[in-house]
């Protein structure tokens, strides 16, 4: 997904995408959505999903969890709320409009923060990750799933060339797992515990030190 540097631009992009996002991504992303929801549900009960979008992941969390979804796009949140009501997702306690870099929750509020397909979209990914760590309890887990680019070689070079084009359609071809690893190493209180590769996407698991 794309790195968008203007929040207003980001809102406009997702207002347009909200109309057909589910049709395009429901089947394409379902395996990775299940995977991140299962990882989050296994790591703790109180879960914040940053970048909940239209709520495609919400159905996959375990029923005994307590999930709050946050997203910048109000049109997408309306669709997420419709799913919560239509599918009777009782484990979802709310969906709220928030900037990932300014989450309106107290420190150490959640056992887990899941971040599906959004970390490459925010204007300041490291700032968003810092904010995620703030609201995460000591010992808590961050579960990120996204389309991460190749670290080196011809594929990485090609992804760099097409990055501007991919940005226009809401994807990133150049955001790498190493960027998350470098952020964690610089902080010193977050450890990368696993990287799992799928057909198109990767899941990165991190843990905040207790």
Protein backbone atom coordinates (compact mmCIF):
# COMPACT_ATOMS: atom_id res chain seq x y z
CA UNK A 1 0.00 0.00 0.00
CA UNK A 2 1.01 3.59 -0.48
CA UNK A 3 2.76 6.10 1.75
CA UNK A 4 0.45 9.12 1.65
CA UNK A 5 1.92 12.31 3.06
CA UNK A 6 -1.24 14.43 3.15
CA UNK A 7 -4.00 13.36 5.56
CA UNK A 8 -6.65 15.18 3.52
CA UNK A 9 -5.46 13.37 0.41
CA UNK A 10 -5.60 10.11 2.34
CA UNK A 11 -9.18 10.79 3.43
CA UNK A 12 -10.21 11.60 -0.14
CA UNK A 13 -8.62 8.42 -1.50
CA UNK A 14 -10.43 6.22 0.99
CA UNK A 15 -13.74 8.00 0.59
CA UNK A 16 -13.58 6.97 -3.07
CA UNK A 17 -12.37 3.45 -2.26
CA UNK A 18 -15.05 2.86 0.37
CA UNK A 19 -17.64 2.33 -2.38
CA UNK A 20 -15.96 -0.73 -3.88
CA UNK A 21 -13.25 -1.74 -1.39
CA UNK A 22 -15.11 -4.87 -0.21
CA UNK A 23 -15.78 -6.09 -3.74
CA UNK A 24 -12.12 -5.79 -4.66
CA UNK A 25 -10.47 -7.08 -1.50
CA UNK A 26 -12.89 -9.48 0.23
CA UNK A 27 -11.46 -12.63 -1.35
CA UNK A 28 -7.97 -11.36 -2.15
CA UNK A 29 -7.14 -10.45 1.44
CA UNK A 30 -9.22 -13.02 3.32
CA UNK A 31 -6.39 -15.51 4.06
CA UNK A 32 -4.16 -12.76 5.47
CA UNK A 33 -7.08 -11.22 7.35
CA UNK A 34 -7.78 -14.54 9.04
CA UNK A 35 -4.12 -14.98 9.84
CA UNK A 36 -3.66 -11.62 11.55
CA UNK A 37 -6.95 -11.97 13.46
CA UNK A 38 -5.98 -15.44 14.68
CA UNK A 39 -2.54 -14.23 15.77
CA UNK A 40 -4.06 -11.26 17.60
CA UNK A 41 -6.77 -13.37 19.26
CA UNK A 42 -4.18 -15.87 20.47
CA UNK A 43 -2.01 -13.11 21.97
CA UNK A 44 -4.62 -11.39 24.16
CA UNK A 45 -8.26 -10.58 24.80
CA UNK A 46 -8.43 -6.79 24.52
CA UNK A 47 -7.54 -5.87 20.94
CA UNK A 48 -7.26 -2.59 19.05
CA UNK A 49 -7.36 -2.82 15.27
CA UNK A 50 -5.68 0.20 13.70
CA UNK A 51 -6.87 0.73 10.14
CA UNK A 52 -10.12 -1.20 10.52
CA UNK A 53 -11.39 0.25 7.22
CA UNK A 54 -14.70 -1.33 6.17
CA UNK A 55 -14.34 -3.98 8.87
CA UNK A 56 -13.34 -6.96 6.74
CA UNK A 57 -11.12 -8.42 9.49
CA UNK A 58 -13.59 -8.01 12.36
CA UNK A 59 -15.48 -11.27 11.70
CA UNK A 60 -12.31 -13.33 12.15
CA UNK A 61 -11.43 -12.42 15.75
CA UNK A 62 -12.37 -15.03 18.34
CA UNK A 63 -15.76 -14.48 20.01
CA UNK A 64 -14.19 -14.24 23.47
CA UNK A 65 -12.11 -11.17 22.54
CA UNK A 66 -13.00 -7.51 22.95
CA UNK A 67 -12.15 -5.58 19.79
CA UNK A 68 -12.18 -1.85 19.06
CA UNK A 69 -11.54 -0.67 15.50
CA UNK A 70 -10.02 2.70 14.59
CA UNK A 71 -9.70 4.33 11.19
CA UNK A 72 -9.28 7.78 9.67
CA UNK A 73 -12.01 7.28 7.05
CA UNK A 74 -15.55 7.94 8.25
CA UNK A 75 -17.17 6.48 5.08
CA UNK A 76 -15.27 3.23 5.65
CA UNK A 77 -16.21 3.20 9.33
CA UNK A 78 -19.88 3.41 8.37
CA UNK A 79 -19.47 0.18 6.40
CA UNK A 80 -17.60 -1.40 9.31
CA UNK A 81 -20.46 -0.52 11.67
CA UNK A 82 -22.93 -2.07 9.21
CA UNK A 83 -20.97 -5.33 9.37
CA UNK A 84 -20.90 -5.25 13.16
CA UNK A 85 -24.69 -4.95 13.20
CA UNK A 86 -25.52 -7.27 10.30
CA UNK A 87 -23.15 -10.06 11.37
CA UNK A 88 -23.94 -9.59 15.08
CA UNK A 89 -20.26 -9.23 15.96
CA UNK A 90 -20.74 -8.95 19.71
CA UNK A 91 -17.02 -9.08 20.37
CA UNK A 92 -16.63 -5.72 18.60
CA UNK A 93 -17.32 -3.02 21.18
CA UNK A 94 -16.91 -0.04 18.85
CA UNK A 95 -15.42 1.48 15.70
CA UNK A 96 -14.06 5.00 16.03
CA UNK A 97 -12.59 7.72 13.82
CA UNK A 98 -8.95 8.31 14.75
CA UNK A 99 -5.61 9.18 13.22
CA UNK A 100 -3.15 6.33 13.76
CA UNK A 101 -0.57 8.85 14.92
CA UNK A 102 -2.91 10.33 17.55
CA UNK A 103 -4.87 7.50 19.13
CA UNK A 104 -7.38 8.67 21.71
CA UNK A 105 -6.72 5.94 24.26
CA UNK A 106 -4.90 5.92 27.57
CA UNK A 107 -1.44 4.41 27.94
CA UNK A 108 -1.31 0.61 28.23
CA UNK A 109 -4.98 0.11 27.25
CA UNK A 110 -4.68 -3.00 25.06
CA UNK A 111 -3.20 -6.49 25.13
CA UNK A 112 -2.78 -6.54 21.36
CA UNK A 113 -2.78 -4.06 18.50
CA UNK A 114 -3.43 -5.50 15.04
CA UNK A 115 -2.44 -3.44 12.02
CA UNK A 116 -3.86 -4.97 8.83
CA UNK A 117 -2.84 -3.39 5.51
CA UNK A 118 -2.34 0.14 6.82
CA UNK A 119 1.20 0.70 8.12
CA UNK A 120 2.43 1.74 4.67
CA UNK A 121 -0.45 4.21 4.31
CA UNK A 122 0.05 6.55 7.23
CA UNK A 123 2.10 9.72 6.68
CA UNK A 124 4.53 8.78 9.45
CA UNK A 125 4.70 4.98 9.97
CA UNK A 126 7.27 5.22 12.76
CA UNK A 127 5.13 7.80 14.55
CA UNK A 128 2.09 5.53 14.26
CA UNK A 129 4.09 2.59 15.63
CA UNK A 130 5.27 4.73 18.54
CA UNK A 131 1.65 5.59 19.31
CA UNK A 132 0.68 1.92 19.05
CA UNK A 133 3.37 1.04 21.59
CA UNK A 134 2.04 3.75 23.91
CA UNK A 135 -1.46 2.25 24.06
CA UNK A 136 -0.10 -1.32 24.33
CA UNK A 137 0.34 -2.98 27.71
CA UNK A 138 3.83 -4.17 28.73
CA UNK A 139 4.32 -7.62 27.26
CA UNK A 140 1.69 -6.88 24.61
CA UNK A 141 1.81 -7.90 20.96
CA UNK A 142 1.71 -5.94 17.70
CA UNK A 143 0.52 -7.95 14.68
CA UNK A 144 1.15 -6.28 11.32
CA UNK A 145 0.12 -7.72 7.98
CA UNK A 146 0.93 -5.88 4.75
CA UNK A 147 2.42 -6.06 1.29
CA UNK A 148 6.09 -5.53 2.10
CA UNK A 149 8.58 -4.97 -0.70
CA UNK A 150 11.69 -6.99 -1.46
CA UNK A 151 14.78 -5.98 0.48
CA UNK A 152 17.24 -6.11 -2.42
CA UNK A 153 17.89 -7.33 -5.96
CA UNK A 154 16.02 -6.78 -9.21
CA UNK A 155 12.62 -7.06 -7.59
CA UNK A 156 13.46 -4.30 -5.13
CA UNK A 157 14.75 -2.10 -7.97
CA UNK A 158 11.60 -2.68 -10.01
CA UNK A 159 9.38 -1.96 -7.00
CA UNK A 160 11.21 1.32 -6.48
CA UNK A 161 10.54 2.36 -10.06
CA UNK A 162 6.81 1.62 -9.93
CA UNK A 163 6.31 3.05 -6.42
CA UNK A 164 4.76 6.36 -7.68
CA UNK A 165 2.25 4.44 -9.82
CA UNK A 166 1.32 2.09 -6.98
CA UNK A 167 0.84 5.08 -4.67
CA UNK A 168 -1.94 6.35 -6.92
CA UNK A 169 -3.97 3.15 -6.47
CA UNK A 170 -3.43 2.85 -2.73
CA UNK A 171 -0.62 0.30 -2.57
CA UNK A 172 3.07 0.35 -1.74
CA UNK A 173 5.72 -1.51 -3.67
CA UNK A 174 8.71 -0.30 -1.69
CA UNK A 175 7.93 -0.43 2.05
CA UNK A 176 10.16 -3.12 3.58
CA UNK A 177 10.12 -5.25 6.73
CA UNK A 178 13.58 -3.83 7.51
CA UNK A 179 11.98 -0.44 8.10
CA UNK A 180 9.90 -1.93 10.92
CA UNK A 181 12.94 -3.81 12.24
CA UNK A 182 15.02 -0.61 12.26
CA UNK A 183 12.29 1.24 14.12
CA UNK A 184 12.11 -1.50 16.76
CA UNK A 185 15.89 -1.60 17.17
CA UNK A 186 16.05 2.17 17.60
CA UNK A 187 13.35 2.13 20.29
CA UNK A 188 14.97 -0.68 22.25
CA UNK A 189 11.78 -1.70 24.07
CA UNK A 190 10.15 -3.59 21.21
CA UNK A 191 11.32 -6.95 19.86
CA UNK A 192 10.48 -8.48 16.50
CA UNK A 193 9.50 -12.05 17.33
CA UNK A 194 8.40 -13.46 13.97
CA UNK A 195 7.99 -12.75 10.27
CA UNK A 196 5.65 -15.04 8.36
CA UNK A 197 5.46 -14.96 4.57
CA UNK A 198 2.35 -15.67 2.51
CA UNK A 199 1.72 -15.68 -1.22
CA UNK A 200 1.45 -11.90 -1.50
CA UNK A 201 1.68 -10.58 2.04
CA UNK A 202 3.82 -10.89 5.15
CA UNK A 203 2.87 -10.82 8.81
CA UNK A 204 5.25 -9.26 11.32
CA UNK A 205 4.83 -9.94 15.04
CA UNK A 206 6.43 -7.70 17.65
CA UNK A 207 6.35 -7.64 21.43
CA UNK A 208 6.61 -4.73 23.82
CA UNK A 209 8.94 -5.50 26.68
CA UNK A 210 7.23 -6.18 30.00
